[in-house]
Amino acid sequence: MQTRQLGGLVLASLLLSSLIALVSGGFIVLEGHLITLIWEVLPQALTHAWWYDLAVCLIGGLLLAWLKGQWGPLPATAHQAMAELKQTQTVDYRATFKNLAVALVSLAFGAGVGPEAALLGAVVSLSVWQADRLRYFYFQHATLKTVAWPRRLWWLVAPTGHLQRYRSERALPAAQLGAKKKFYALFIVNGLVTFTILMRLIGHPSFITKMGASHWHWSQLWIILPVLLVAPLAGWLYHQGSRGIHRLAQRLPQYLPQTLVGAGVIFLFAVLLPRLLFSGQTVMALIPQVSDHQSGYLLMTAAVLKLVFLQLCLGTGWIGGDIFPIAFSTILFGFGVAQLLPQLDGLLVVAVVATGLAINLLNNLWVAGIFIALFFPLNLWPVILLVLVLQWLGQRASRHFQKTA
């Protein structure tokens, strides 16, 4: 590959990865503005009452059912996109913006789910689109040299056309795979930097909120053992309950009856427990303050209800992510447990409980541990790492015992 061609591909990859970051940032910003409009601005203008919540949930349910009837069972999640990519070496990115539109309806109209599933699914799809576009520019370099640069630029950013799917017979030789991985790493980093800069420029609040300061002592680490013993049982109960809810929801005809049942659930939470609406990310910062004025049992009950709300939404077609809602619930539950153990450092208890529960609820040890750690001060990270290692050892021992039994 000539230096000029390589430079052109690098610039093209930087432009396209920045474009993907702008789409992601735009989705987050639009979600926030719609939530503010629907749940804050309009209620104040119309004198907020129960009938307004009912109307909002009904409109959201009808709109979601109509979109699903038009486009099928969307939105696709990141798990589905990755599974398709592993199986076929590509994904169908033509429905990316339909996915985002359906996810936006679920999020804006109060579903207790997170934006990360649809957003990561869109990033995966658009990244494959980017790779197909760059592959076309790589293999059609001779043709592109004859095209004027404004038209070439349009070919680069146009949603359709001028794409070349992956083919195993045209894959790069093994000797060049290292360069390809570096190339991909470049536009991943560029996309993350662009997304971060965009969020700061528009003043979007941080996704991560620190829960406070900790002054834990080594003698208090005994709390880890009972948490690691109880957390797997909590995870088992959660997944059993989830399967039960989904089995009941599947008995409802698609799509209108399912989504309207979900809308009814959202209405009940909007009237009775409005703090539990949405993913929980926007009210995460309030947990330390609220925990000072509420009983531990009330906090733990609210955390369990948030998980029930999450599964009711997912089961009735209000699809979204579960990472933020589970993080919110486990941290809230941890604050409840901490109130019952005043002799221990409160934030130590919260970190251990949240980590142990999140691992078993998400069924992903390292994702749960890393994500939960972001909400706690650095001096608690070794404790969280210890919980992760002990949980990992416990899982390995359990699998070994099952094989030999």
Protein backbone atom coordinates (compact mmCIF):
# COMPACT_ATOMS: atom_id res chain seq x y z
CA MET A 1 0.00 0.00 0.00
CA GLN A 2 1.37 3.41 -0.95
CA THR A 3 1.93 6.06 1.70
CA ARG A 4 -0.63 8.38 0.12
CA GLN A 5 -3.26 5.65 0.03
CA LEU A 6 -2.52 4.72 3.65
CA GLY A 7 -2.81 8.36 4.71
CA GLY A 8 -6.14 8.66 2.92
CA LEU A 9 -7.50 5.58 4.66
CA VAL A 10 -6.35 6.86 8.05
CA LEU A 11 -8.09 10.20 7.48
CA ALA A 12 -11.20 8.41 6.25
CA SER A 13 -11.26 6.16 9.32
CA LEU A 14 -10.88 9.16 11.63
CA LEU A 15 -13.75 10.94 9.91
CA LEU A 16 -16.06 7.92 9.99
CA SER A 17 -15.29 7.03 13.62
CA SER A 18 -15.97 10.66 14.56
CA LEU A 19 -19.27 10.42 12.69
CA ILE A 20 -20.22 7.31 14.68
CA ALA A 21 -19.34 9.15 17.90
CA LEU A 22 -21.56 12.06 16.85
CA VAL A 23 -24.46 9.68 16.20
CA SER A 24 -23.95 8.14 19.66
CA GLY A 25 -23.71 11.53 21.34
CA GLY A 26 -26.74 12.80 19.46
CA PHE A 27 -28.75 9.81 20.65
CA ILE A 28 -27.82 10.44 24.30
CA VAL A 29 -28.58 14.17 24.02
CA LEU A 30 -31.90 13.58 22.28
CA GLU A 31 -32.88 11.02 24.90
CA GLY A 32 -32.18 13.51 27.69
CA HIS A 33 -34.12 16.33 26.00
CA LEU A 34 -37.13 14.11 25.31
CA ILE A 35 -37.24 12.88 28.92
CA THR A 36 -37.03 16.46 30.17
CA LEU A 37 -39.77 17.59 27.78
CA ILE A 38 -42.16 14.71 28.48
CA TRP A 39 -41.65 14.32 32.23
CA GLU A 40 -40.74 17.86 33.40
CA VAL A 41 -41.58 20.69 30.99
CA LEU A 42 -45.00 19.54 29.77
CA PRO A 43 -46.27 18.41 33.21
CA GLN A 44 -45.44 21.84 34.65
CA ALA A 45 -47.20 23.59 31.77
CA LEU A 46 -50.29 21.35 31.94
CA THR A 47 -50.58 21.00 35.74
CA HIS A 48 -49.21 17.56 36.43
CA ALA A 49 -51.79 14.96 37.47
CA TRP A 50 -52.30 11.22 37.20
CA TRP A 51 -54.18 11.59 33.93
CA TYR A 52 -51.10 13.13 32.32
CA ASP A 53 -48.97 10.12 33.29
CA LEU A 54 -51.68 7.82 31.95
CA ALA A 55 -51.82 9.71 28.64
CA VAL A 56 -48.02 9.66 28.27
CA CYS A 57 -47.79 5.93 28.94
CA LEU A 58 -50.69 5.18 26.59
CA ILE A 59 -49.15 7.25 23.79
CA GLY A 60 -45.77 5.61 24.36
CA GLY A 61 -47.29 2.12 24.31
CA LEU A 62 -49.26 2.77 21.12
CA LEU A 63 -46.26 4.35 19.39
CA LEU A 64 -43.96 1.51 20.40
CA ALA A 65 -46.45 -1.12 19.25
CA TRP A 66 -46.90 0.67 15.91
CA LEU A 67 -43.14 0.89 15.30
CA LYS A 68 -42.67 -2.78 16.15
CA GLY A 69 -45.55 -3.67 13.85
CA GLN A 70 -43.91 -1.72 11.03
CA TRP A 71 -40.29 -2.78 11.58
CA GLY A 72 -40.40 -6.00 13.56
CA PRO A 73 -39.06 -6.92 17.02
CA LEU A 74 -36.66 -4.02 17.47
CA PRO A 75 -34.43 -2.77 18.99
CA ALA A 76 -31.67 -5.30 18.54
CA THR A 77 -29.19 -5.30 21.41
CA ALA A 78 -25.39 -5.36 21.41
CA HIS A 79 -25.50 -9.07 22.33
CA GLN A 80 -27.57 -9.82 19.22
CA ALA A 81 -25.30 -7.70 17.01
CA MET A 82 -22.17 -9.43 18.32
CA ALA A 83 -23.74 -12.88 17.92
CA GLU A 84 -24.65 -12.06 14.31
CA LEU A 85 -21.15 -10.73 13.68
CA LYS A 86 -19.50 -13.88 15.05
CA GLN A 87 -21.78 -16.14 13.03
CA THR A 88 -21.77 -14.33 9.67
CA GLN A 89 -18.68 -12.07 9.94
CA THR A 90 -21.00 -9.10 9.28
CA VAL A 91 -24.23 -7.49 10.50
CA ASP A 92 -27.23 -6.00 8.75
CA TYR A 93 -26.66 -2.32 9.51
CA ARG A 94 -29.57 -1.09 7.38
CA ALA A 95 -31.84 -1.11 10.44
CA THR A 96 -29.46 0.82 12.71
CA PHE A 97 -31.45 4.03 12.87
CA LYS A 98 -34.72 2.12 13.19
CA ASN A 99 -33.17 0.40 16.22
CA LEU A 100 -32.25 3.73 17.74
CA ALA A 101 -35.71 5.19 17.05
CA VAL A 102 -37.51 2.31 18.78
CA ALA A 103 -35.07 2.41 21.71
CA LEU A 104 -35.62 6.15 22.01
CA VAL A 105 -39.37 5.63 22.42
CA SER A 106 -38.81 3.10 25.22
CA LEU A 107 -36.35 5.35 27.02
CA ALA A 108 -38.23 8.63 26.60
CA PHE A 109 -41.58 7.26 27.74
CA GLY A 110 -40.30 6.03 31.09
CA ALA A 111 -39.18 2.40 30.71
CA GLY A 112 -36.82 1.31 33.49
CA VAL A 113 -34.09 0.27 31.07
CA GLY A 114 -30.74 1.73 30.05
CA PRO A 115 -29.60 3.20 26.72
CA GLU A 116 -26.44 1.09 26.52
CA ALA A 117 -27.90 -2.00 24.81
CA ALA A 118 -29.32 -0.25 21.76
CA LEU A 119 -26.48 2.26 21.67
CA LEU A 120 -23.74 -0.38 21.73
CA GLY A 121 -25.68 -2.40 19.17
CA ALA A 122 -25.75 0.66 16.92
CA VAL A 123 -22.03 1.25 17.44
CA VAL A 124 -21.28 -2.36 16.47
CA SER A 125 -23.45 -2.08 13.36
CA LEU A 126 -22.01 1.28 12.32
CA SER A 127 -18.49 0.00 12.92
CA VAL A 128 -19.15 -2.85 10.50
CA TRP A 129 -20.57 -0.29 8.06
CA GLN A 130 -17.38 1.73 8.50
CA ALA A 131 -15.22 -1.33 7.85
CA ASP A 132 -17.21 -2.13 4.68
CA ARG A 133 -16.83 1.46 3.49
CA LEU A 134 -13.08 1.50 4.14
CA ARG A 135 -12.76 -1.90 2.48
CA TYR A 136 -14.40 -0.45 -0.64
CA PHE A 137 -12.03 2.53 -0.61
CA TYR A 138 -9.08 0.18 -0.18
CA PHE A 139 -9.93 -2.19 -3.03
CA GLN A 140 -11.32 0.49 -5.37
CA HIS A 141 -8.44 2.91 -4.94
CA ALA A 142 -7.71 3.04 -8.67
CA THR A 143 -11.30 4.00 -9.46
CA LEU A 144 -11.46 6.60 -6.70
CA LYS A 145 -8.40 8.41 -8.06
CA THR A 146 -10.47 9.38 -11.11
CA VAL A 147 -13.30 10.88 -9.01
CA ALA A 148 -13.33 14.54 -7.88
CA TRP A 149 -12.71 14.92 -4.14
CA PRO A 150 -16.15 16.45 -3.25
CA ARG A 151 -17.86 13.43 -4.80
CA ARG A 152 -15.34 11.12 -3.15
CA LEU A 153 -16.13 12.71 0.20
CA TRP A 154 -19.83 12.15 -0.38
CA TRP A 155 -19.19 8.51 -1.25
CA LEU A 156 -17.34 8.22 2.06
CA VAL A 157 -20.14 9.50 4.31
CA ALA A 158 -23.25 8.52 2.31
CA PRO A 159 -25.37 5.98 4.24
CA THR A 160 -25.74 3.59 1.31
CA GLY A 161 -23.70 2.51 -1.69
CA HIS A 162 -19.94 2.11 -2.14
CA LEU A 163 -19.66 -0.69 0.40
CA GLN A 164 -17.76 -3.95 0.18
CA ARG A 165 -18.69 -6.79 2.51
CA TYR A 166 -16.13 -9.01 4.17
CA ARG A 167 -15.06 -12.07 2.16
CA SER A 168 -12.74 -14.66 3.63
CA GLU A 169 -10.97 -15.21 0.30
CA ARG A 170 -10.00 -11.52 0.22
CA ALA A 171 -8.95 -11.29 3.85
CA LEU A 172 -5.56 -9.85 4.68
CA PRO A 173 -2.70 -12.32 5.16
CA ALA A 174 -1.73 -13.14 8.73
CA ALA A 175 1.40 -10.99 8.46
CA GLN A 176 -0.75 -7.86 8.02
CA LEU A 177 -3.29 -8.57 10.76
CA GLY A 178 -1.24 -6.68 13.35
CA ALA A 179 -1.41 -3.50 11.27
CA LYS A 180 -5.15 -4.01 10.79
CA LYS A 181 -5.70 -4.31 14.55
CA LYS A 182 -3.72 -1.12 15.14
CA PHE A 183 -5.81 0.55 12.48
CA TYR A 184 -9.03 -0.48 14.22
CA ALA A 185 -7.66 0.57 17.61
CA LEU A 186 -6.96 4.02 16.17
CA PHE A 187 -10.53 4.73 15.18
CA ILE A 188 -11.92 3.20 18.39
CA VAL A 189 -9.80 5.61 20.44
CA ASN A 190 -10.70 8.47 18.11
CA GLY A 191 -14.41 7.70 18.47
CA LEU A 192 -14.17 7.61 22.27
CA VAL A 193 -12.25 10.89 22.37
CA THR A 194 -14.73 12.56 20.02
CA PHE A 195 -17.67 11.30 22.10
CA THR A 196 -16.07 12.56 25.34
CA ILE A 197 -15.30 15.98 23.87
CA LEU A 198 -18.84 16.28 22.51
CA MET A 199 -20.39 15.44 25.89
CA ARG A 200 -18.24 18.05 27.61
CA LEU A 201 -18.89 20.74 25.01
CA ILE A 202 -22.66 20.43 25.41
CA GLY A 203 -22.39 20.21 29.20
CA HIS A 204 -23.92 16.75 29.48
CA PRO A 205 -23.68 15.42 33.05
CA SER A 206 -21.21 12.63 33.66
CA PHE A 207 -22.48 9.07 33.38
CA ILE A 208 -20.49 8.18 36.50
CA THR A 209 -21.13 9.67 39.95
CA LYS A 210 -18.87 8.96 42.91
CA MET A 211 -20.77 7.68 45.94
CA GLY A 212 -18.59 9.42 48.53
CA ALA A 213 -15.44 8.83 50.59
CA SER A 214 -14.36 5.68 52.41
CA HIS A 215 -12.13 5.13 55.46
CA TRP A 216 -12.28 1.37 55.67
CA HIS A 217 -10.01 -0.83 57.77
CA TRP A 218 -8.63 -4.31 57.13
CA SER A 219 -10.55 -5.71 60.10
CA GLN A 220 -13.82 -4.88 58.32
CA LEU A 221 -13.18 -7.10 55.30
CA TRP A 222 -15.03 -10.00 56.93
CA ILE A 223 -18.14 -8.58 55.24
CA ILE A 224 -16.90 -10.04 51.94
CA LEU A 225 -17.47 -13.66 52.98
CA PRO A 226 -21.22 -13.47 53.80
CA VAL A 227 -21.83 -11.35 50.70
CA LEU A 228 -20.12 -13.91 48.45
CA LEU A 229 -22.20 -16.67 50.04
CA VAL A 230 -25.55 -14.87 49.66
CA ALA A 231 -25.01 -13.11 46.30
CA PRO A 232 -25.24 -16.29 44.15
CA LEU A 233 -28.60 -17.10 45.77
CA ALA A 234 -29.80 -13.57 45.01
CA GLY A 235 -28.63 -13.97 41.42
CA TRP A 236 -30.45 -17.30 41.11
CA LEU A 237 -33.69 -15.79 42.45
CA TYR A 238 -33.36 -12.83 40.07
CA HIS A 239 -32.88 -15.00 37.00
CA GLN A 240 -35.68 -17.37 38.02
CA GLY A 241 -38.00 -14.42 38.49
CA SER A 242 -36.88 -12.96 35.16
CA ARG A 243 -37.68 -16.19 33.33
CA GLY A 244 -41.07 -16.36 35.03
CA ILE A 245 -41.96 -12.81 34.02
CA HIS A 246 -40.88 -13.41 30.44
CA ARG A 247 -42.88 -16.66 30.23
CA LEU A 248 -46.01 -14.84 31.38
CA ALA A 249 -45.40 -11.93 28.99
CA GLN A 250 -44.94 -14.28 26.04
CA ARG A 251 -48.51 -15.48 26.48
CA LEU A 252 -49.69 -12.02 25.45
CA PRO A 253 -50.19 -11.42 21.72
CA GLN A 254 -47.62 -9.21 20.01
CA TYR A 255 -47.20 -6.31 19.72
CA LEU A 256 -50.01 -4.09 21.00
CA PRO A 257 -51.20 -6.11 24.04
CA GLN A 258 -47.64 -6.64 25.28
CA THR A 259 -46.58 -3.01 24.99
CA LEU A 260 -49.82 -1.74 26.56
CA VAL A 261 -49.29 -4.02 29.56
CA GLY A 262 -45.79 -2.56 29.81
CA ALA A 263 -47.28 0.93 29.54
CA GLY A 264 -49.61 0.08 32.43
CA VAL A 265 -46.63 -1.00 34.55
CA ILE A 266 -44.79 2.23 33.73
CA PHE A 267 -47.91 4.22 34.68
CA LEU A 268 -48.08 2.54 38.09
CA PHE A 269 -44.42 3.29 38.77
CA ALA A 270 -44.83 6.87 37.49
CA VAL A 271 -47.62 7.46 40.02
CA LEU A 272 -46.32 5.45 42.97
CA LEU A 273 -42.51 5.32 42.57
CA PRO A 274 -41.44 7.97 40.03
CA ARG A 275 -37.81 7.87 41.21
CA LEU A 276 -37.54 4.34 39.80
CA LEU A 277 -38.41 5.35 36.24
CA PHE A 278 -35.74 5.29 33.52
CA SER A 279 -32.33 3.65 33.88
CA GLY A 280 -31.46 5.19 37.25
CA GLN A 281 -28.38 6.93 35.89
CA THR A 282 -29.79 10.45 36.33
CA VAL A 283 -30.71 9.90 40.00
CA MET A 284 -27.62 7.89 40.95
CA ALA A 285 -26.08 10.99 42.53
CA LEU A 286 -29.06 11.30 44.89
CA ILE A 287 -28.62 7.85 46.46
CA PRO A 288 -26.13 8.93 49.20
CA GLN A 289 -28.40 11.84 50.17
CA VAL A 290 -31.62 9.82 50.12
CA SER A 291 -30.05 6.98 52.11
CA ASP A 292 -29.47 9.34 55.05
CA HIS A 293 -33.22 9.92 55.44
CA GLN A 294 -34.66 6.47 54.65
CA SER A 295 -34.55 3.16 56.48
CA GLY A 296 -32.31 0.39 55.24
CA TYR A 297 -35.27 -1.91 54.65
CA LEU A 298 -37.01 0.71 52.52
CA LEU A 299 -33.88 1.18 50.40
CA MET A 300 -33.53 -2.57 49.86
CA THR A 301 -37.22 -2.86 48.95
CA ALA A 302 -36.85 -0.04 46.42
CA ALA A 303 -33.82 -1.79 44.91
CA VAL A 304 -35.77 -5.04 44.48
CA LEU A 305 -38.73 -3.18 42.95
CA LYS A 306 -36.37 -1.52 40.48
CA LEU A 307 -35.20 -4.95 39.32
CA VAL A 308 -38.80 -6.15 39.02
CA PHE A 309 -39.62 -3.03 37.00
CA LEU A 310 -36.64 -3.68 34.72
CA GLN A 311 -37.78 -7.22 33.94
CA LEU A 312 -41.41 -6.22 33.46
CA CYS A 313 -40.30 -3.65 30.89
CA LEU A 314 -38.03 -6.10 29.08
CA GLY A 315 -40.67 -8.82 29.12
CA THR A 316 -43.34 -6.58 27.61
CA GLY A 317 -41.23 -5.34 24.72
CA TRP A 318 -39.85 -2.12 26.21
CA ILE A 319 -36.35 -3.26 25.34
CA GLY A 320 -33.19 -1.61 26.63
CA GLY A 321 -30.02 -2.22 28.57
CA ASP A 322 -29.76 -3.73 32.03
CA ILE A 323 -26.30 -2.56 33.12
CA PHE A 324 -27.29 0.88 34.45
CA PRO A 325 -30.52 -0.33 36.14
CA ILE A 326 -28.68 -3.21 37.82
CA ALA A 327 -25.85 -0.91 38.93
CA PHE A 328 -28.44 1.48 40.39
CA SER A 329 -30.29 -1.33 42.17
CA THR A 330 -27.21 -3.03 43.61
CA ILE A 331 -25.72 0.23 44.88
CA LEU A 332 -29.06 1.24 46.40
CA PHE A 333 -29.34 -2.20 48.04
CA GLY A 334 -25.79 -1.78 49.34
CA PHE A 335 -26.71 1.49 51.05
CA GLY A 336 -29.63 -0.31 52.65
CA VAL A 337 -27.37 -3.06 54.01
CA ALA A 338 -24.86 -0.44 55.20
CA GLN A 339 -27.54 1.13 57.40
CA LEU A 340 -28.00 -2.23 59.12
CA LEU A 341 -24.24 -2.44 59.84
CA PRO A 342 -23.37 0.98 61.31
CA GLN A 343 -20.20 -0.39 62.95
CA LEU A 344 -18.59 -0.83 59.50
CA ASP A 345 -17.44 1.76 56.99
CA GLY A 346 -20.60 2.47 55.03
CA LEU A 347 -19.09 2.80 51.58
CA LEU A 348 -17.05 -0.39 52.06
CA VAL A 349 -20.29 -2.29 52.65
CA VAL A 350 -21.93 -0.64 49.64
CA ALA A 351 -19.00 -1.48 47.35
CA VAL A 352 -18.79 -5.13 48.45
CA VAL A 353 -22.56 -5.70 48.28
CA ALA A 354 -22.96 -3.91 44.94
CA THR A 355 -20.05 -5.80 43.37
CA GLY A 356 -21.16 -9.21 44.64
CA LEU A 357 -24.75 -8.70 43.52
CA ALA A 358 -23.91 -7.13 40.15
CA ILE A 359 -21.63 -10.04 39.24
CA ASN A 360 -24.43 -12.54 39.82
CA LEU A 361 -27.21 -10.43 38.28
CA LEU A 362 -25.29 -9.56 35.10
CA ASN A 363 -23.58 -12.96 34.84
CA ASN A 364 -20.46 -11.15 33.66
CA LEU A 365 -17.78 -10.94 36.32
CA TRP A 366 -15.39 -8.41 34.82
CA VAL A 367 -17.96 -6.09 33.23
CA ALA A 368 -19.86 -5.92 36.52
CA GLY A 369 -16.73 -5.35 38.58
CA ILE A 370 -15.22 -2.68 36.36
CA PHE A 371 -18.50 -0.80 35.97
CA ILE A 372 -19.31 -0.82 39.68
CA ALA A 373 -15.75 0.28 40.55
CA LEU A 374 -16.24 3.49 38.56
CA PHE A 375 -18.73 4.73 41.17
CA PHE A 376 -16.35 4.35 44.12
CA PRO A 377 -13.14 6.07 45.29
CA LEU A 378 -9.77 4.60 44.38
CA ASN A 379 -9.04 3.30 47.87
CA LEU A 380 -11.95 0.85 47.46
CA TRP A 381 -10.76 -0.54 44.13
CA PRO A 382 -8.44 -3.12 45.79
CA VAL A 383 -11.43 -4.36 47.80
CA ILE A 384 -13.57 -4.63 44.66
CA LEU A 385 -10.72 -6.46 42.93
CA LEU A 386 -10.51 -8.86 45.87
CA VAL A 387 -14.25 -9.56 45.57
CA LEU A 388 -13.80 -10.22 41.84
CA VAL A 389 -10.89 -12.60 42.37
CA LEU A 390 -12.66 -14.52 45.14
CA GLN A 391 -15.82 -14.77 43.04
CA TRP A 392 -13.77 -15.98 40.05
CA LEU A 393 -12.05 -18.62 42.18
CA GLY A 394 -15.41 -19.69 43.54
CA GLN A 395 -16.86 -20.04 40.04
CA ARG A 396 -13.88 -22.10 38.89
CA ALA A 397 -14.12 -24.35 41.93
CA SER A 398 -17.85 -24.80 41.35
CA ARG A 399 -17.33 -25.76 37.69
CA HIS A 400 -14.57 -28.20 38.65
CA PHE A 401 -16.79 -29.81 41.27
CA GLN A 402 -19.66 -30.17 38.78
CA LYS A 403 -17.36 -31.87 36.26
CA THR A 404 -16.01 -34.35 38.78
CA ALA A 405 -19.34 -35.05 40.50
